[in-house]
Amino acid sequence: MNTQNLFYQFQSLPKDLQKQVEDFIQSLLAKTQKETDNSEEQKTPVYRKAGTMKGLVLYMSDDFDEPLEDFNEYM
């Protein structure tokens, strides 16, 4: 099917169906972009840097390391 024929058929559709076609094309483009992004990510591994979350925990209760009462029967 050539582009002109496809365009003519698209123009002959009612406006609501044209919107559905546009939405479908957008979903195909997004899917294609996501697959392309995933394949590029697999080629270059991402390394995490230690210490980047330092300072984000502002408060921790004093009994944080204490055993939970719910697990007393298992201890």
Protein backbone atom coordinates (compact mmCIF):
# COMPACT_ATOMS: atom_id res chain seq x y z
CA MET A 1 0.00 0.00 0.00
CA ASN A 2 1.46 3.35 -0.93
CA THR A 3 1.43 6.46 1.23
CA GLN A 4 -1.04 8.40 -0.90
CA ASN A 5 -3.59 5.60 -0.79
CA LEU A 6 -3.15 5.30 2.97
CA PHE A 7 -3.59 9.04 3.41
CA TYR A 8 -6.72 9.04 1.22
CA GLN A 9 -8.24 6.24 3.27
CA PHE A 10 -7.38 8.05 6.49
CA GLN A 11 -9.07 11.23 5.27
CA SER A 12 -12.20 9.32 4.31
CA LEU A 13 -12.68 8.11 7.91
CA PRO A 14 -14.96 9.96 10.34
CA LYS A 15 -13.18 12.23 12.83
CA ASP A 16 -13.64 9.86 15.78
CA LEU A 17 -12.03 6.99 13.85
CA GLN A 18 -9.22 9.28 12.72
CA LYS A 19 -8.54 9.97 16.40
CA GLN A 20 -8.41 6.21 17.10
CA VAL A 21 -5.93 5.75 14.25
CA GLU A 22 -3.78 8.59 15.60
CA ASP A 23 -3.85 7.04 19.09
CA PHE A 24 -2.88 3.65 17.68
CA ILE A 25 0.02 5.15 15.75
CA GLN A 26 1.21 6.93 18.89
CA SER A 27 1.10 3.68 20.86
CA LEU A 28 3.10 1.91 18.15
CA LEU A 29 5.68 4.70 18.16
CA ALA A 30 5.93 4.59 21.95
CA LYS A 31 6.34 0.81 21.90
CA THR A 32 9.04 1.06 19.24
CA GLN A 33 10.83 3.78 21.20
CA LYS A 34 10.66 1.72 24.40
CA GLU A 35 12.11 -1.33 22.64
CA THR A 36 14.89 0.81 21.17
CA ASP A 37 15.64 2.30 24.59
CA ASN A 38 15.72 -1.15 26.21
CA SER A 39 18.13 -2.53 23.64
CA GLU A 40 20.47 0.44 24.17
CA GLU A 41 20.31 0.01 27.95
CA GLN A 42 21.32 -3.62 27.67
CA LYS A 43 24.44 -2.65 25.74
CA THR A 44 25.69 -0.17 28.35
CA PRO A 45 25.51 -1.41 31.96
CA VAL A 46 24.59 1.12 34.61
CA TYR A 47 26.84 1.13 37.64
CA ARG A 48 25.59 2.44 40.96
CA LYS A 49 27.77 4.71 43.01
CA ALA A 50 27.92 4.04 46.75
CA GLY A 51 27.01 6.89 49.07
CA THR A 52 24.65 8.77 46.76
CA MET A 53 21.71 8.45 49.18
CA LYS A 54 23.67 9.82 52.15
CA GLY A 55 21.72 12.39 54.14
CA LEU A 56 18.27 11.45 52.81
CA VAL A 57 17.16 9.60 55.96
CA LEU A 58 16.48 12.43 58.40
CA TYR A 59 15.00 10.48 61.31
CA MET A 60 15.23 6.92 62.62
CA SER A 61 13.65 5.83 65.89
CA ASP A 62 15.88 4.73 68.75
CA ASP A 63 14.41 1.21 68.77
CA PHE A 64 14.92 0.64 65.04
CA ASP A 65 17.23 -2.36 65.58
CA GLU A 66 15.08 -3.93 68.31
CA PRO A 67 13.21 -7.16 67.48
CA LEU A 68 9.54 -6.76 66.61
CA GLU A 69 6.99 -8.07 69.10
CA ASP A 70 5.21 -9.94 66.31
CA PHE A 71 8.20 -12.27 65.97
CA ASN A 72 8.67 -13.09 69.68
CA GLU A 73 7.20 -16.58 69.26
CA TYR A 74 9.82 -17.39 66.61
CA MET A 75 12.79 -16.36 68.74
